[in-house]
N, C-alpha and C. Protein backbone atom coordinates (compact mmCIF):
# COMPACT_ATOMS: atom_id res chain seq x y z
N MET A 1 0.86 -1.17 0.00
CA MET A 1 0.00 0.00 0.00
C MET A 1 0.91 1.24 0.00
N THR A 2 0.64 2.15 -0.89
CA THR A 2 1.46 3.35 -0.99
C THR A 2 1.01 4.38 0.04
N ARG A 3 1.86 5.38 0.24
CA ARG A 3 1.53 6.47 1.18
C ARG A 3 0.28 7.21 0.73
N GLU A 4 0.16 7.42 -0.55
CA GLU A 4 -0.98 8.17 -1.08
C GLU A 4 -2.29 7.42 -0.85
N ILE A 5 -2.26 6.12 -1.08
CA ILE A 5 -3.47 5.31 -0.86
C ILE A 5 -3.83 5.30 0.61
N PHE A 6 -2.84 5.14 1.47
CA PHE A 6 -3.11 5.13 2.91
C PHE A 6 -3.63 6.49 3.37
N ALA A 7 -3.03 7.58 2.85
CA ALA A 7 -3.48 8.94 3.22
C ALA A 7 -4.92 9.16 2.79
N TYR A 8 -5.26 8.70 1.61
CA TYR A 8 -6.64 8.82 1.13
C TYR A 8 -7.59 8.00 2.01
N ALA A 9 -7.17 6.78 2.35
CA ALA A 9 -8.00 5.92 3.22
C ALA A 9 -8.16 6.56 4.59
N TYR A 10 -7.11 7.20 5.09
CA TYR A 10 -7.19 7.88 6.38
C TYR A 10 -8.19 9.03 6.34
N GLU A 11 -8.11 9.86 5.29
CA GLU A 11 -9.04 11.00 5.15
C GLU A 11 -10.49 10.53 5.11
N LYS A 12 -10.74 9.46 4.39
CA LYS A 12 -12.11 8.95 4.26
C LYS A 12 -12.52 8.12 5.48
N GLY A 13 -11.56 7.39 6.08
CA GLY A 13 -11.90 6.42 7.11
C GLY A 13 -11.86 6.93 8.54
N PHE A 14 -11.10 8.00 8.81
CA PHE A 14 -10.99 8.48 10.19
C PHE A 14 -12.35 8.83 10.80
N PRO A 15 -13.19 9.63 10.10
CA PRO A 15 -14.51 9.93 10.69
C PRO A 15 -15.35 8.67 10.92
N ASN A 16 -15.20 7.70 10.03
CA ASN A 16 -15.96 6.45 10.21
C ASN A 16 -15.48 5.68 11.44
N THR A 17 -14.18 5.73 11.68
CA THR A 17 -13.64 5.06 12.87
C THR A 17 -14.15 5.74 14.13
N VAL A 18 -14.18 7.05 14.12
CA VAL A 18 -14.71 7.79 15.28
C VAL A 18 -16.17 7.43 15.50
N ARG A 19 -16.95 7.40 14.42
CA ARG A 19 -18.38 7.03 14.55
C ARG A 19 -18.53 5.61 15.07
N PHE A 20 -17.68 4.71 14.60
CA PHE A 20 -17.71 3.33 15.08
C PHE A 20 -17.49 3.28 16.59
N LEU A 21 -16.49 4.01 17.07
CA LEU A 21 -16.19 4.00 18.50
C LEU A 21 -17.30 4.68 19.30
N LEU A 22 -17.87 5.74 18.75
CA LEU A 22 -19.00 6.40 19.43
C LEU A 22 -20.18 5.46 19.54
N SER A 23 -20.39 4.63 18.52
CA SER A 23 -21.51 3.69 18.55
C SER A 23 -21.32 2.61 19.61
N ARG A 24 -20.08 2.45 20.08
CA ARG A 24 -19.79 1.49 21.15
C ARG A 24 -19.86 2.13 22.53
N GLY A 25 -20.30 3.40 22.58
CA GLY A 25 -20.49 4.07 23.87
C GLY A 25 -19.27 4.77 24.40
N ILE A 26 -18.28 4.97 23.57
CA ILE A 26 -17.06 5.63 24.01
C ILE A 26 -17.26 7.14 23.90
N PRO A 27 -16.86 7.92 24.92
CA PRO A 27 -17.01 9.38 24.85
C PRO A 27 -16.28 9.97 23.64
N GLU A 28 -16.77 11.11 23.15
CA GLU A 28 -16.29 11.66 21.89
C GLU A 28 -14.78 11.93 21.88
N GLN A 29 -14.28 12.60 22.90
CA GLN A 29 -12.85 12.93 22.92
C GLN A 29 -12.00 11.66 22.97
N THR A 30 -12.43 10.71 23.78
CA THR A 30 -11.71 9.45 23.88
C THR A 30 -11.78 8.68 22.57
N ALA A 31 -12.94 8.74 21.89
CA ALA A 31 -13.10 8.06 20.61
C ALA A 31 -12.15 8.64 19.57
N GLU A 32 -12.02 9.95 19.56
CA GLU A 32 -11.10 10.58 18.60
C GLU A 32 -9.65 10.18 18.89
N GLU A 33 -9.29 10.16 20.16
CA GLU A 33 -7.92 9.77 20.52
C GLU A 33 -7.65 8.31 20.15
N ALA A 34 -8.62 7.44 20.42
CA ALA A 34 -8.45 6.02 20.10
C ALA A 34 -8.40 5.81 18.59
N ALA A 35 -9.22 6.56 17.85
CA ALA A 35 -9.21 6.45 16.39
C ALA A 35 -7.86 6.89 15.85
N GLN A 36 -7.34 7.99 16.37
CA GLN A 36 -6.03 8.47 15.92
C GLN A 36 -4.95 7.44 16.22
N ALA A 37 -4.99 6.87 17.43
CA ALA A 37 -4.01 5.86 17.79
C ALA A 37 -4.16 4.61 16.92
N GLY A 38 -5.39 4.26 16.59
CA GLY A 38 -5.64 3.10 15.73
C GLY A 38 -5.07 3.29 14.34
N TRP A 39 -5.28 4.47 13.78
CA TRP A 39 -4.74 4.74 12.45
C TRP A 39 -3.21 4.80 12.48
N ALA A 40 -2.64 5.34 13.55
CA ALA A 40 -1.19 5.38 13.66
C ALA A 40 -0.62 3.96 13.76
N ARG A 41 -1.27 3.12 14.57
CA ARG A 41 -0.81 1.72 14.69
C ARG A 41 -0.96 1.00 13.35
N ALA A 42 -2.03 1.27 12.62
CA ALA A 42 -2.22 0.64 11.31
C ALA A 42 -1.11 1.06 10.35
N TRP A 43 -0.72 2.33 10.42
CA TRP A 43 0.37 2.80 9.56
C TRP A 43 1.66 2.05 9.89
N GLU A 44 1.91 1.85 11.19
CA GLU A 44 3.12 1.14 11.60
C GLU A 44 3.09 -0.33 11.17
N ARG A 45 1.92 -0.91 11.15
CA ARG A 45 1.77 -2.35 10.89
C ARG A 45 1.13 -2.65 9.53
N GLN A 46 1.20 -1.74 8.60
CA GLN A 46 0.50 -1.94 7.33
C GLN A 46 1.02 -3.15 6.56
N ALA A 47 2.22 -3.60 6.85
CA ALA A 47 2.73 -4.80 6.19
C ALA A 47 1.94 -6.04 6.61
N ASP A 48 1.28 -5.99 7.77
CA ASP A 48 0.48 -7.13 8.24
C ASP A 48 -0.88 -7.21 7.57
N LEU A 49 -1.28 -6.16 6.88
CA LEU A 49 -2.60 -6.12 6.23
C LEU A 49 -2.59 -7.03 5.01
N ARG A 50 -3.53 -7.95 4.96
CA ARG A 50 -3.59 -8.90 3.86
C ARG A 50 -4.48 -8.41 2.72
N ASP A 51 -5.55 -7.69 3.08
CA ASP A 51 -6.51 -7.25 2.07
C ASP A 51 -6.76 -5.76 2.25
N GLU A 52 -6.41 -4.97 1.25
CA GLU A 52 -6.56 -3.51 1.35
C GLU A 52 -8.02 -3.11 1.51
N ALA A 53 -8.93 -3.92 1.04
CA ALA A 53 -10.35 -3.60 1.15
C ALA A 53 -10.83 -3.68 2.61
N ALA A 54 -10.09 -4.40 3.43
CA ALA A 54 -10.47 -4.57 4.84
C ALA A 54 -9.77 -3.56 5.75
N LEU A 55 -9.15 -2.54 5.17
CA LEU A 55 -8.38 -1.59 5.96
C LEU A 55 -9.21 -0.93 7.04
N SER A 56 -10.38 -0.40 6.70
CA SER A 56 -11.18 0.33 7.70
C SER A 56 -11.65 -0.60 8.82
N SER A 57 -12.05 -1.82 8.49
CA SER A 57 -12.45 -2.78 9.53
C SER A 57 -11.27 -3.12 10.43
N TRP A 58 -10.12 -3.28 9.84
CA TRP A 58 -8.91 -3.60 10.59
C TRP A 58 -8.55 -2.46 11.54
N VAL A 59 -8.62 -1.22 11.03
CA VAL A 59 -8.30 -0.06 11.87
C VAL A 59 -9.32 0.08 12.99
N ASN A 60 -10.61 -0.16 12.69
CA ASN A 60 -11.64 -0.09 13.73
C ASN A 60 -11.35 -1.07 14.86
N ALA A 61 -10.96 -2.28 14.49
CA ALA A 61 -10.64 -3.29 15.50
C ALA A 61 -9.42 -2.87 16.32
N ILE A 62 -8.41 -2.33 15.65
CA ILE A 62 -7.22 -1.87 16.37
C ILE A 62 -7.59 -0.76 17.34
N ALA A 63 -8.35 0.22 16.88
CA ALA A 63 -8.72 1.36 17.74
C ALA A 63 -9.54 0.89 18.93
N PHE A 64 -10.49 0.00 18.70
CA PHE A 64 -11.33 -0.49 19.79
C PHE A 64 -10.50 -1.27 20.80
N ASN A 65 -9.58 -2.09 20.33
CA ASN A 65 -8.72 -2.84 21.25
C ASN A 65 -7.79 -1.93 22.03
N LEU A 66 -7.29 -0.88 21.39
CA LEU A 66 -6.46 0.09 22.12
C LEU A 66 -7.27 0.77 23.22
N PHE A 67 -8.52 1.13 22.91
CA PHE A 67 -9.38 1.74 23.93
C PHE A 67 -9.60 0.77 25.09
N ARG A 68 -9.94 -0.47 24.78
CA ARG A 68 -10.20 -1.45 25.85
C ARG A 68 -8.98 -1.66 26.73
N THR A 69 -7.81 -1.73 26.13
CA THR A 69 -6.58 -1.90 26.90
C THR A 69 -6.37 -0.73 27.85
N GLU A 70 -6.54 0.47 27.35
CA GLU A 70 -6.37 1.66 28.19
C GLU A 70 -7.43 1.72 29.28
N PHE A 71 -8.66 1.36 28.96
CA PHE A 71 -9.75 1.37 29.94
C PHE A 71 -9.45 0.39 31.07
N ARG A 72 -8.98 -0.80 30.73
CA ARG A 72 -8.64 -1.79 31.76
C ARG A 72 -7.50 -1.30 32.63
N ARG A 73 -6.51 -0.66 32.02
CA ARG A 73 -5.38 -0.14 32.78
C ARG A 73 -5.86 0.91 33.79
N GLU A 74 -6.75 1.77 33.37
CA GLU A 74 -7.28 2.80 34.27
C GLU A 74 -8.07 2.18 35.41
N GLN A 75 -8.81 1.11 35.12
CA GLN A 75 -9.61 0.45 36.16
C GLN A 75 -8.72 -0.15 37.24
N ARG A 76 -7.54 -0.67 36.84
CA ARG A 76 -6.64 -1.26 37.81
C ARG A 76 -5.95 -0.23 38.68
N LEU A 77 -5.87 1.00 38.20
CA LEU A 77 -5.11 2.02 38.90
C LEU A 77 -5.99 3.00 39.67
N THR A 78 -7.21 2.62 40.02
CA THR A 78 -8.07 3.52 40.78
C THR A 78 -7.53 3.68 42.19
N ASP A 79 -7.64 4.88 42.72
CA ASP A 79 -7.13 5.18 44.05
C ASP A 79 -8.07 4.66 45.13
N LEU A 80 -7.48 4.27 46.24
CA LEU A 80 -8.26 3.87 47.40
C LEU A 80 -8.67 5.12 48.17
N PRO A 81 -9.79 5.07 48.88
CA PRO A 81 -10.18 6.24 49.67
C PRO A 81 -9.14 6.54 50.74
N ASP A 82 -9.02 7.82 51.11
CA ASP A 82 -8.04 8.24 52.10
C ASP A 82 -8.32 7.64 53.47
N ASP A 83 -9.56 7.58 53.84
CA ASP A 83 -9.92 7.11 55.17
C ASP A 83 -10.51 5.70 55.12
N ILE A 84 -9.76 4.79 54.52
CA ILE A 84 -10.30 3.45 54.30
C ILE A 84 -10.60 2.72 55.61
N GLN A 85 -9.79 2.94 56.64
CA GLN A 85 -10.05 2.25 57.89
C GLN A 85 -11.25 2.82 58.61
N ALA A 86 -11.60 4.05 58.34
CA ALA A 86 -12.74 4.68 59.00
C ALA A 86 -14.05 4.35 58.29
N SER A 87 -13.97 3.86 57.09
CA SER A 87 -15.21 3.62 56.36
C SER A 87 -15.97 2.44 56.96
N ARG A 88 -17.27 2.52 56.88
CA ARG A 88 -18.14 1.51 57.47
C ARG A 88 -17.96 0.15 56.80
N SER A 89 -17.82 0.16 55.48
CA SER A 89 -17.69 -1.12 54.78
C SER A 89 -16.40 -1.82 55.15
N SER A 90 -15.34 -1.07 55.39
CA SER A 90 -14.08 -1.69 55.80
C SER A 90 -14.20 -2.31 57.18
N ALA A 91 -14.91 -1.63 58.07
CA ALA A 91 -15.10 -2.17 59.41
C ALA A 91 -15.92 -3.46 59.36
N LEU A 92 -16.95 -3.48 58.51
CA LEU A 92 -17.75 -4.70 58.38
C LEU A 92 -16.93 -5.82 57.74
N ALA A 93 -16.12 -5.47 56.77
CA ALA A 93 -15.27 -6.49 56.14
C ALA A 93 -14.29 -7.07 57.14
N LEU A 94 -13.76 -6.23 58.02
CA LEU A 94 -12.83 -6.71 59.04
C LEU A 94 -13.54 -7.67 60.00
N LEU A 95 -14.77 -7.35 60.37
CA LEU A 95 -15.53 -8.25 61.24
C LEU A 95 -15.80 -9.58 60.53
N ASP A 96 -16.15 -9.51 59.23
CA ASP A 96 -16.37 -10.73 58.47
C ASP A 96 -15.09 -11.56 58.38
N LEU A 97 -13.97 -10.89 58.18
CA LEU A 97 -12.71 -11.59 58.09
C LEU A 97 -12.36 -12.27 59.40
N ARG A 98 -12.60 -11.57 60.51
CA ARG A 98 -12.34 -12.19 61.82
C ARG A 98 -13.22 -13.42 62.01
N ALA A 99 -14.49 -13.30 61.60
CA ALA A 99 -15.38 -14.45 61.72
C ALA A 99 -14.90 -15.59 60.83
N GLY A 100 -14.42 -15.26 59.63
CA GLY A 100 -13.89 -16.28 58.73
C GLY A 100 -12.67 -16.97 59.30
N LEU A 101 -11.77 -16.18 59.88
CA LEU A 101 -10.57 -16.77 60.49
C LEU A 101 -10.93 -17.62 61.69
N ALA A 102 -11.95 -17.21 62.42
CA ALA A 102 -12.38 -17.99 63.59
C ALA A 102 -12.90 -19.36 63.18
N SER A 103 -13.42 -19.47 61.97
CA SER A 103 -13.95 -20.76 61.51
C SER A 103 -12.85 -21.73 61.09
N CYS A 104 -11.62 -21.24 60.98
CA CYS A 104 -10.50 -22.08 60.57
C CYS A 104 -9.91 -22.83 61.77
N ARG A 105 -9.27 -23.92 61.47
CA ARG A 105 -8.52 -24.62 62.50
C ARG A 105 -7.27 -23.81 62.83
N PRO A 106 -6.69 -23.99 64.00
CA PRO A 106 -5.51 -23.20 64.39
C PRO A 106 -4.36 -23.27 63.38
N VAL A 107 -4.12 -24.45 62.82
CA VAL A 107 -3.04 -24.59 61.84
C VAL A 107 -3.34 -23.77 60.59
N GLU A 108 -4.59 -23.83 60.12
CA GLU A 108 -4.97 -23.06 58.94
C GLU A 108 -4.87 -21.57 59.20
N ARG A 109 -5.31 -21.17 60.38
CA ARG A 109 -5.26 -19.75 60.72
C ARG A 109 -3.82 -19.25 60.75
N SER A 110 -2.92 -20.02 61.35
CA SER A 110 -1.52 -19.59 61.40
C SER A 110 -0.92 -19.55 60.00
N LEU A 111 -1.32 -20.48 59.12
CA LEU A 111 -0.84 -20.46 57.75
C LEU A 111 -1.31 -19.19 57.02
N ILE A 112 -2.59 -18.87 57.16
CA ILE A 112 -3.15 -17.67 56.52
C ILE A 112 -2.43 -16.43 57.04
N GLU A 113 -2.26 -16.35 58.34
CA GLU A 113 -1.59 -15.18 58.92
C GLU A 113 -0.14 -15.08 58.45
N ALA A 114 0.56 -16.21 58.40
CA ALA A 114 1.96 -16.19 57.97
C ALA A 114 2.07 -15.84 56.49
N SER A 115 1.14 -16.33 55.70
CA SER A 115 1.19 -16.10 54.27
C SER A 115 0.73 -14.70 53.90
N CYS A 116 -0.47 -14.34 54.37
CA CYS A 116 -1.08 -13.07 53.94
C CYS A 116 -0.61 -11.87 54.74
N VAL A 117 -0.43 -12.04 56.04
CA VAL A 117 -0.06 -10.90 56.89
C VAL A 117 1.45 -10.72 56.94
N ALA A 118 2.17 -11.80 57.26
CA ALA A 118 3.62 -11.70 57.40
C ALA A 118 4.33 -11.74 56.05
N GLY A 119 3.68 -12.29 55.03
CA GLY A 119 4.25 -12.28 53.70
C GLY A 119 5.21 -13.41 53.38
N TYR A 120 5.16 -14.48 54.15
CA TYR A 120 6.03 -15.61 53.85
C TYR A 120 5.53 -16.34 52.61
N SER A 121 6.45 -16.85 51.81
CA SER A 121 6.06 -17.62 50.63
C SER A 121 5.73 -19.04 51.04
N SER A 122 5.09 -19.76 50.12
CA SER A 122 4.72 -21.14 50.45
C SER A 122 5.96 -22.01 50.63
N SER A 123 7.02 -21.72 49.89
CA SER A 123 8.25 -22.52 50.07
C SER A 123 8.90 -22.24 51.42
N GLU A 124 8.86 -21.00 51.89
CA GLU A 124 9.40 -20.68 53.21
C GLU A 124 8.59 -21.38 54.30
N LEU A 125 7.27 -21.34 54.15
CA LEU A 125 6.41 -22.02 55.12
C LEU A 125 6.64 -23.53 55.10
N ALA A 126 6.84 -24.08 53.91
CA ALA A 126 7.07 -25.52 53.79
C ALA A 126 8.35 -25.93 54.50
N ARG A 127 9.41 -25.14 54.33
CA ARG A 127 10.67 -25.45 55.02
C ARG A 127 10.49 -25.38 56.53
N HIS A 128 9.76 -24.38 56.98
CA HIS A 128 9.54 -24.21 58.42
C HIS A 128 8.71 -25.36 59.00
N MET A 129 7.71 -25.83 58.24
CA MET A 129 6.81 -26.88 58.72
C MET A 129 7.32 -28.28 58.40
N HIS A 130 8.41 -28.37 57.61
CA HIS A 130 8.98 -29.65 57.20
C HIS A 130 7.99 -30.47 56.38
N VAL A 131 7.31 -29.78 55.47
CA VAL A 131 6.40 -30.44 54.52
C VAL A 131 6.72 -29.91 53.13
N SER A 132 6.04 -30.44 52.13
CA SER A 132 6.30 -30.00 50.75
C SER A 132 5.56 -28.69 50.45
N ASP A 133 6.02 -28.00 49.40
CA ASP A 133 5.35 -26.77 48.95
C ASP A 133 3.89 -27.05 48.60
N VAL A 134 3.67 -28.19 47.96
CA VAL A 134 2.31 -28.54 47.54
C VAL A 134 1.40 -28.69 48.75
N ALA A 135 1.91 -29.31 49.80
CA ALA A 135 1.10 -29.49 51.01
C ALA A 135 0.70 -28.14 51.60
N VAL A 136 1.61 -27.19 51.60
CA VAL A 136 1.30 -25.86 52.12
C VAL A 136 0.25 -25.19 51.24
N ARG A 137 0.43 -25.27 49.91
CA ARG A 137 -0.54 -24.63 49.02
C ARG A 137 -1.92 -25.26 49.15
N VAL A 138 -1.98 -26.58 49.33
CA VAL A 138 -3.27 -27.26 49.51
C VAL A 138 -3.93 -26.80 50.81
N ARG A 139 -3.15 -26.74 51.88
CA ARG A 139 -3.71 -26.29 53.17
C ARG A 139 -4.18 -24.85 53.10
N LEU A 140 -3.40 -24.00 52.44
CA LEU A 140 -3.82 -22.60 52.27
C LEU A 140 -5.10 -22.52 51.45
N SER A 141 -5.18 -23.31 50.40
CA SER A 141 -6.38 -23.32 49.56
C SER A 141 -7.61 -23.74 50.36
N ARG A 142 -7.45 -24.78 51.16
CA ARG A 142 -8.58 -25.24 51.99
C ARG A 142 -8.97 -24.19 53.02
N ALA A 143 -7.99 -23.53 53.59
CA ALA A 143 -8.29 -22.49 54.58
C ALA A 143 -9.04 -21.33 53.93
N ARG A 144 -8.58 -20.91 52.74
CA ARG A 144 -9.26 -19.82 52.03
C ARG A 144 -10.68 -20.21 51.67
N LYS A 145 -10.86 -21.47 51.27
CA LYS A 145 -12.20 -21.95 50.93
C LYS A 145 -13.10 -21.90 52.16
N ARG A 146 -12.58 -22.33 53.29
CA ARG A 146 -13.36 -22.30 54.53
C ARG A 146 -13.76 -20.87 54.89
N ILE A 147 -12.83 -19.93 54.70
CA ILE A 147 -13.12 -18.52 55.00
C ILE A 147 -14.17 -17.99 54.04
N ARG A 148 -14.05 -18.32 52.74
CA ARG A 148 -15.05 -17.86 51.76
C ARG A 148 -16.43 -18.39 52.11
N GLU A 149 -16.49 -19.66 52.52
CA GLU A 149 -17.79 -20.24 52.91
C GLU A 149 -18.36 -19.51 54.11
N ARG A 150 -17.50 -19.21 55.07
CA ARG A 150 -17.94 -18.50 56.28
C ARG A 150 -18.41 -17.08 55.91
N LEU A 151 -17.67 -16.42 55.05
CA LEU A 151 -18.07 -15.07 54.63
C LEU A 151 -19.38 -15.10 53.87
N GLY A 152 -19.60 -16.14 53.09
CA GLY A 152 -20.88 -16.27 52.39
C GLY A 152 -22.04 -16.42 53.35
N ARG A 153 -21.84 -17.15 54.44
CA ARG A 153 -22.92 -17.30 55.45
C ARG A 153 -23.12 -15.98 56.18
N CYS A 154 -22.05 -15.23 56.45
CA CYS A 154 -22.18 -13.94 57.15
C CYS A 154 -22.96 -12.95 56.31
N LYS A 155 -22.72 -12.92 55.02
CA LYS A 155 -23.40 -11.96 54.15
C LYS A 155 -24.87 -12.31 53.97
N ALA A 156 -25.20 -13.63 54.08
CA ALA A 156 -26.57 -14.06 53.89
C ALA A 156 -27.46 -13.66 55.06
N ARG A 157 -26.86 -13.36 56.19
CA ARG A 157 -27.65 -13.01 57.38
C ARG A 157 -28.25 -11.67 57.27
């Protein structure tokens, strides 16, 4: 594909890409940015294009995937509230967690505390307990399952 053909396709296809993204519920400014990024990525990867007739569909898919990737990244990086310990939901979660830990056997509870609170790895715990890594992971899994079951009963009340 020559530069001239790609430039012509860009002039004709950019507004269509923006409309495509808008039809997916993406805000206008974000849609324009994603469309621009999609066309730029298509320019970089134009050697991968097999059929020139599919250029606009290909660019639309690239732009939409770029938007989804950025959206997911933003979702992972949301800030926690400043007063998380003072919030009511955190206090209730702490009570539920205590109830869940209380339902565990002492060995399971110490494993959970050593793993989650103290930060020991399963291999460190295995060496300390003189058992295999697999045995520690199985015990931790069973303890977590017991806590989840207990938390499920607490929420049902």
